[in-house]
Amino acid sequence: MKQYIASGKEVTYSALGIGIFTFFYGLISGSLAFWMAPVAFITSAFYAGMDESKKNPWNVSLSFGMGIIWGLIAYNLFQIPNMNMLWWTSSVFGIMALIAILLQGTVLKATFIPAWLLAWGTFMEISLNIKINNWYVFVLQLACCMLLGVFFLDYGSDFFKAVMYRWFPEKDKDQSDPKSNKKVKID
């Protein structure tokens, strides 16, 4: 297992980037009255923790969209009256999870099942615990918060970190060692 030890600059630049973009996200979401703004933290953390080889913001975004669609389908199935809710909800969740994985493995290969299930679970957690008055606004806000988590919080803090490294680059060990014969190109 590869162990990663962050430098002092890495930690400082990451902390500053996350702090600054979280502050601006708070201003944006507060101004737009996004009451489910914390969803962006879930999706940002999910995306930041992904394996680099699988990280594709467009595939993750498509997967979030599929999770929201899955949430709408499941929510509507749960509204069928006179069902034994324990058996019915368990069956709906089980069958829909099976179908999602089959779809992702066959015709929707661009999707990423953990992101799909994360969005579906987030949708269900919110929609089953509060009364939704305007479903169009709910779905739009949920999708926006999910995308802002990836494209604003995650990419924004990475952009900030890249700018800081450009302004204050790490010193190359070979440059500081006078005995080194290696030539180092400096931009």
C-alpha atoms as a PDB file:
ATOM      1  CA  MET A   1       0.000   0.000   0.000  1.00  0.00           C
ATOM      2  CA  LYS A   2       1.371   3.359  -1.018  1.00  0.00           C
ATOM      3  CA  GLN A   3       1.622   5.870   1.800  1.00  0.00           C
ATOM      4  CA  TYR A   4       1.305   9.560   1.043  1.00  0.00           C
ATOM      5  CA  ILE A   5       2.834  12.119   3.371  1.00  0.00           C
ATOM      6  CA  ALA A   6       1.798  15.668   2.627  1.00  0.00           C
ATOM      7  CA  SER A   7       4.290  18.487   2.870  1.00  0.00           C
ATOM      8  CA  GLY A   8       3.620  21.560   4.975  1.00  0.00           C
ATOM      9  CA  LYS A   9       2.844  23.528   1.833  1.00  0.00           C
ATOM     10  CA  GLU A  10       0.455  20.838   0.601  1.00  0.00           C
ATOM     11  CA  VAL A  11      -1.513  20.929   3.838  1.00  0.00           C
ATOM     12  CA  THR A  12      -1.488  24.731   3.996  1.00  0.00           C
ATOM     13  CA  TYR A  13      -2.532  25.228   0.357  1.00  0.00           C
ATOM     14  CA  SER A  14      -5.238  22.544   0.611  1.00  0.00           C
ATOM     15  CA  ALA A  15      -6.616  24.028   3.821  1.00  0.00           C
ATOM     16  CA  LEU A  16      -6.620  27.558   2.402  1.00  0.00           C
ATOM     17  CA  GLY A  17      -8.235  26.433  -0.865  1.00  0.00           C
ATOM     18  CA  ILE A  18     -10.947  24.446   0.867  1.00  0.00           C
ATOM     19  CA  GLY A  19     -11.565  27.231   3.388  1.00  0.00           C
ATOM     20  CA  ILE A  20     -11.800  29.958   0.743  1.00  0.00           C
ATOM     21  CA  PHE A  21     -14.040  28.009  -1.642  1.00  0.00           C
ATOM     22  CA  THR A  22     -16.248  26.807   1.209  1.00  0.00           C
ATOM     23  CA  PHE A  23     -16.666  30.434   2.317  1.00  0.00           C
ATOM     24  CA  PHE A  24     -17.707  31.485  -1.198  1.00  0.00           C
ATOM     25  CA  TYR A  25     -19.960  28.447  -1.532  1.00  0.00           C
ATOM     26  CA  GLY A  26     -21.662  29.495   1.689  1.00  0.00           C
ATOM     27  CA  LEU A  27     -22.268  32.951   0.227  1.00  0.00           C
ATOM     28  CA  ILE A  28     -23.605  31.511  -3.042  1.00  0.00           C
ATOM     29  CA  SER A  29     -25.849  28.872  -1.468  1.00  0.00           C
ATOM     30  CA  GLY A  30     -27.114  31.316   1.156  1.00  0.00           C
ATOM     31  CA  SER A  31     -27.894  33.946  -1.482  1.00  0.00           C
ATOM     32  CA  LEU A  32     -29.746  31.393  -3.609  1.00  0.00           C
ATOM     33  CA  ALA A  33     -31.503  29.922  -0.531  1.00  0.00           C
ATOM     34  CA  PHE A  34     -30.160  26.419  -1.158  1.00  0.00           C
ATOM     35  CA  TRP A  35     -31.446  24.792   2.007  1.00  0.00           C
ATOM     36  CA  MET A  36     -29.705  21.530   1.098  1.00  0.00           C
ATOM     37  CA  ALA A  37     -26.287  23.140   0.616  1.00  0.00           C
ATOM     38  CA  PRO A  38     -24.476  20.532   2.767  1.00  0.00           C
ATOM     39  CA  VAL A  39     -25.016  18.006  -0.044  1.00  0.00           C
ATOM     40  CA  ALA A  40     -22.110  19.727  -1.831  1.00  0.00           C
ATOM     41  CA  PHE A  41     -19.791  18.682   1.001  1.00  0.00           C
ATOM     42  CA  ILE A  42     -20.867  15.060   0.569  1.00  0.00           C
ATOM     43  CA  THR A  43     -20.217  15.065  -3.177  1.00  0.00           C
ATOM     44  CA  SER A  44     -16.987  17.049  -2.870  1.00  0.00           C
ATOM     45  CA  ALA A  45     -15.611  14.655  -0.267  1.00  0.00           C
ATOM     46  CA  PHE A  46     -16.731  11.677  -2.355  1.00  0.00           C
ATOM     47  CA  TYR A  47     -15.046  13.026  -5.487  1.00  0.00           C
ATOM     48  CA  ALA A  48     -11.873  14.103  -3.685  1.00  0.00           C
ATOM     49  CA  GLY A  49     -11.508  10.618  -2.215  1.00  0.00           C
ATOM     50  CA  MET A  50     -11.942   8.797  -5.504  1.00  0.00           C
ATOM     51  CA  ASP A  51      -9.155   6.763  -7.038  1.00  0.00           C
ATOM     52  CA  GLU A  52      -7.348   9.041  -9.523  1.00  0.00           C
ATOM     53  CA  SER A  53      -7.680   6.441 -12.303  1.00  0.00           C
ATOM     54  CA  LYS A  54     -11.490   6.543 -12.013  1.00  0.00           C
ATOM     55  CA  LYS A  55     -11.870  10.293 -11.487  1.00  0.00           C
ATOM     56  CA  ASN A  56     -13.957  11.740 -14.303  1.00  0.00           C
ATOM     57  CA  PRO A  57     -16.252  14.625 -13.360  1.00  0.00           C
ATOM     58  CA  TRP A  58     -18.596  14.026 -16.301  1.00  0.00           C
ATOM     59  CA  ASN A  59     -19.120  10.341 -15.520  1.00  0.00           C
ATOM     60  CA  VAL A  60     -19.640  11.170 -11.849  1.00  0.00           C
ATOM     61  CA  SER A  61     -22.117  13.927 -12.804  1.00  0.00           C
ATOM     62  CA  LEU A  62     -24.032  11.523 -15.066  1.00  0.00           C
ATOM     63  CA  SER A  63     -24.077   9.045 -12.183  1.00  0.00           C
ATOM     64  CA  PHE A  64     -25.445  11.699  -9.816  1.00  0.00           C
ATOM     65  CA  GLY A  65     -28.180  12.360 -12.394  1.00  0.00           C
ATOM     66  CA  MET A  66     -29.032   8.665 -12.545  1.00  0.00           C
ATOM     67  CA  GLY A  67     -29.192   8.578  -8.745  1.00  0.00           C
ATOM     68  CA  ILE A  68     -31.667  11.460  -8.753  1.00  0.00           C
ATOM     69  CA  ILE A  69     -33.799   9.691 -11.389  1.00  0.00           C
ATOM     70  CA  TRP A  70     -33.614   6.519  -9.289  1.00  0.00           C
ATOM     71  CA  GLY A  71     -34.747   8.548  -6.283  1.00  0.00           C
ATOM     72  CA  LEU A  72     -37.752   9.909  -8.162  1.00  0.00           C
ATOM     73  CA  ILE A  73     -38.756   6.408  -9.282  1.00  0.00           C
ATOM     74  CA  ALA A  74     -38.341   4.898  -5.811  1.00  0.00           C
ATOM     75  CA  TYR A  75     -40.159   7.765  -4.109  1.00  0.00           C
ATOM     76  CA  ASN A  76     -43.135   7.348  -6.442  1.00  0.00           C
ATOM     77  CA  LEU A  77     -43.173   3.577  -5.908  1.00  0.00           C
ATOM     78  CA  PHE A  78     -43.290   4.190  -2.157  1.00  0.00           C
ATOM     79  CA  GLN A  79     -46.497   6.211  -2.614  1.00  0.00           C
ATOM     80  CA  ILE A  80     -48.504   3.164  -3.691  1.00  0.00           C
ATOM     81  CA  PRO A  81     -51.158   2.688  -0.976  1.00  0.00           C
ATOM     82  CA  ASN A  82     -51.932  -0.477   0.999  1.00  0.00           C
ATOM     83  CA  MET A  83     -48.482  -2.024   0.785  1.00  0.00           C
ATOM     84  CA  ASN A  84     -46.627  -3.690   3.631  1.00  0.00           C
ATOM     85  CA  MET A  85     -43.998  -0.943   3.836  1.00  0.00           C
ATOM     86  CA  LEU A  86     -41.224  -3.149   5.221  1.00  0.00           C
ATOM     87  CA  TRP A  87     -41.512  -5.716   2.453  1.00  0.00           C
ATOM     88  CA  TRP A  88     -42.380  -3.189  -0.239  1.00  0.00           C
ATOM     89  CA  THR A  89     -39.552  -0.731   0.448  1.00  0.00           C
ATOM     90  CA  SER A  90     -37.043  -3.538   0.881  1.00  0.00           C
ATOM     91  CA  SER A  91     -38.139  -5.057  -2.428  1.00  0.00           C
ATOM     92  CA  VAL A  92     -38.022  -1.707  -4.240  1.00  0.00           C
ATOM     93  CA  PHE A  93     -34.551  -0.923  -2.909  1.00  0.00           C
ATOM     94  CA  GLY A  94     -33.242  -4.410  -3.670  1.00  0.00           C
ATOM     95  CA  ILE A  95     -34.639  -4.634  -7.202  1.00  0.00           C
ATOM     96  CA  MET A  96     -33.639  -1.066  -8.100  1.00  0.00           C
ATOM     97  CA  ALA A  97     -30.093  -1.593  -6.794  1.00  0.00           C
ATOM     98  CA  LEU A  98     -29.849  -4.784  -8.861  1.00  0.00           C
ATOM     99  CA  ILE A  99     -31.108  -2.981 -11.982  1.00  0.00           C
ATOM    100  CA  ALA A 100     -28.730  -0.038 -11.390  1.00  0.00           C
ATOM    101  CA  ILE A 101     -25.721  -2.344 -11.203  1.00  0.00           C
ATOM    102  CA  LEU A 102     -26.853  -4.288 -14.288  1.00  0.00           C
ATOM    103  CA  LEU A 103     -27.373  -1.050 -16.233  1.00  0.00           C
ATOM    104  CA  GLN A 104     -24.002   0.321 -15.146  1.00  0.00           C
ATOM    105  CA  GLY A 105     -22.297  -2.917 -16.164  1.00  0.00           C
ATOM    106  CA  THR A 106     -23.948  -3.084 -19.599  1.00  0.00           C
ATOM    107  CA  VAL A 107     -25.524  -0.101 -21.352  1.00  0.00           C
ATOM    108  CA  LEU A 108     -24.526   2.748 -19.012  1.00  0.00           C
ATOM    109  CA  LYS A 109     -20.810   1.983 -18.689  1.00  0.00           C
ATOM    110  CA  ALA A 110     -20.023   5.706 -18.391  1.00  0.00           C
ATOM    111  CA  THR A 111     -21.749   5.776 -15.013  1.00  0.00           C
ATOM    112  CA  PHE A 112     -20.008   5.051 -11.718  1.00  0.00           C
ATOM    113  CA  ILE A 113     -22.166   2.973  -9.376  1.00  0.00           C
ATOM    114  CA  PRO A 114     -20.888   4.422  -6.051  1.00  0.00           C
ATOM    115  CA  ALA A 115     -21.790   7.949  -7.246  1.00  0.00           C
ATOM    116  CA  TRP A 116     -25.161   6.700  -8.527  1.00  0.00           C
ATOM    117  CA  LEU A 117     -25.967   5.076  -5.180  1.00  0.00           C
ATOM    118  CA  LEU A 118     -24.685   8.072  -3.218  1.00  0.00           C
ATOM    119  CA  ALA A 119     -27.034  10.400  -5.119  1.00  0.00           C
ATOM    120  CA  TRP A 120     -29.929   7.973  -4.813  1.00  0.00           C
ATOM    121  CA  GLY A 121     -29.382   7.593  -1.066  1.00  0.00           C
ATOM    122  CA  THR A 122     -29.072  11.348  -0.581  1.00  0.00           C
ATOM    123  CA  PHE A 123     -32.293  11.905  -2.522  1.00  0.00           C
ATOM    124  CA  MET A 124     -34.130   9.302  -0.451  1.00  0.00           C
ATOM    125  CA  GLU A 125     -32.790  10.587   2.876  1.00  0.00           C
ATOM    126  CA  ILE A 126     -34.069  14.079   2.158  1.00  0.00           C
ATOM    127  CA  SER A 127     -37.333  13.257   0.358  1.00  0.00           C
ATOM    128  CA  LEU A 128     -38.533  10.688   2.887  1.00  0.00           C
ATOM    129  CA  ASN A 129     -37.963  12.986   5.864  1.00  0.00           C
ATOM    130  CA  ILE A 130     -39.433  16.310   4.776  1.00  0.00           C
ATOM    131  CA  LYS A 131     -42.441  17.420   2.782  1.00  0.00           C
ATOM    132  CA  ILE A 132     -41.415  18.557  -0.704  1.00  0.00           C
ATOM    133  CA  ASN A 133     -43.689  21.347  -1.959  1.00  0.00           C
ATOM    134  CA  ASN A 134     -42.085  21.932  -5.356  1.00  0.00           C
ATOM    135  CA  TRP A 135     -40.446  18.866  -6.884  1.00  0.00           C
ATOM    136  CA  TYR A 136     -38.893  20.769  -9.791  1.00  0.00           C
ATOM    137  CA  VAL A 137     -37.092  23.151  -7.436  1.00  0.00           C
ATOM    138  CA  PHE A 138     -36.096  20.267  -5.168  1.00  0.00           C
ATOM    139  CA  VAL A 139     -34.531  18.264  -8.024  1.00  0.00           C
ATOM    140  CA  LEU A 140     -32.831  21.349  -9.479  1.00  0.00           C
ATOM    141  CA  GLN A 141     -31.375  22.377  -6.107  1.00  0.00           C
ATOM    142  CA  LEU A 142     -30.208  18.855  -5.332  1.00  0.00           C
ATOM    143  CA  ALA A 143     -28.496  18.507  -8.718  1.00  0.00           C
ATOM    144  CA  CYS A 144     -26.923  21.977  -8.424  1.00  0.00           C
ATOM    145  CA  CYS A 145     -25.597  21.279  -4.926  1.00  0.00           C
ATOM    146  CA  MET A 146     -24.134  17.939  -6.057  1.00  0.00           C
ATOM    147  CA  LEU A 147     -22.430  19.539  -9.058  1.00  0.00           C
ATOM    148  CA  LEU A 148     -21.202  22.522  -7.054  1.00  0.00           C
ATOM    149  CA  GLY A 149     -19.546  20.067  -4.680  1.00  0.00           C
ATOM    150  CA  VAL A 150     -17.461  18.616  -7.499  1.00  0.00           C
ATOM    151  CA  PHE A 151     -16.984  21.573  -9.824  1.00  0.00           C
ATOM    152  CA  PHE A 152     -16.790  24.441  -7.323  1.00  0.00           C
ATOM    153  CA  LEU A 153     -15.538  23.080  -4.010  1.00  0.00           C
ATOM    154  CA  ASP A 154     -13.261  20.321  -5.287  1.00  0.00           C
ATOM    155  CA  TYR A 155     -11.975  21.884  -8.508  1.00  0.00           C
ATOM    156  CA  GLY A 156     -11.887  25.349  -6.970  1.00  0.00           C
ATOM    157  CA  SER A 157      -9.658  24.272  -4.102  1.00  0.00           C
ATOM    158  CA  ASP A 158      -7.439  22.305  -6.524  1.00  0.00           C
ATOM    159  CA  PHE A 159      -7.171  25.391  -8.749  1.00  0.00           C
ATOM    160  CA  PHE A 160      -6.211  27.523  -5.752  1.00  0.00           C
ATOM    161  CA  LYS A 161      -3.568  24.991  -4.747  1.00  0.00           C
ATOM    162  CA  ALA A 162      -2.124  24.967  -8.293  1.00  0.00           C
ATOM    163  CA  VAL A 163      -1.951  28.782  -8.310  1.00  0.00           C
ATOM    164  CA  MET A 164      -0.177  28.791  -4.958  1.00  0.00           C
ATOM    165  CA  TYR A 165       2.383  26.246  -6.169  1.00  0.00           C
ATOM    166  CA  ARG A 166       2.933  28.370  -9.264  1.00  0.00           C
ATOM    167  CA  TRP A 167       3.513  31.485  -7.154  1.00  0.00           C
ATOM    168  CA  PHE A 168       5.515  29.694  -4.445  1.00  0.00           C
ATOM    169  CA  PRO A 169       7.055  26.551  -5.971  1.00  0.00           C
ATOM    170  CA  GLU A 170       8.685  23.787  -3.973  1.00  0.00           C
ATOM    171  CA  LYS A 171      12.472  23.966  -4.073  1.00  0.00           C
ATOM    172  CA  ASP A 172      13.963  21.002  -5.880  1.00  0.00           C
ATOM    173  CA  LYS A 173      16.383  19.052  -3.679  1.00  0.00           C
ATOM    174  CA  ASP A 174      18.852  18.777  -6.571  1.00  0.00           C
ATOM    175  CA  GLN A 175      18.971  22.574  -6.938  1.00  0.00           C
ATOM    176  CA  SER A 176      19.916  23.127  -3.319  1.00  0.00           C
ATOM    177  CA  ASP A 177      22.647  20.461  -3.366  1.00  0.00           C
ATOM    178  CA  PRO A 178      25.856  22.010  -4.802  1.00  0.00           C
ATOM    179  CA  LYS A 179      27.357  18.538  -5.346  1.00  0.00           C
ATOM    180  CA  SER A 180      24.558  17.552  -7.687  1.00  0.00           C
ATOM    181  CA  ASN A 181      25.451  17.462 -11.381  1.00  0.00           C
ATOM    182  CA  LYS A 182      21.841  17.304 -12.523  1.00  0.00           C
ATOM    183  CA  LYS A 183      20.498  20.179 -14.554  1.00  0.00           C
ATOM    184  CA  VAL A 184      17.051  21.265 -13.496  1.00  0.00           C
ATOM    185  CA  LYS A 185      14.768  23.247 -15.749  1.00  0.00           C
ATOM    186  CA  ILE A 186      13.047  26.101 -13.961  1.00  0.00           C
ATOM    187  CA  ASP A 187      10.008  27.794 -15.512  1.00  0.00           C
END
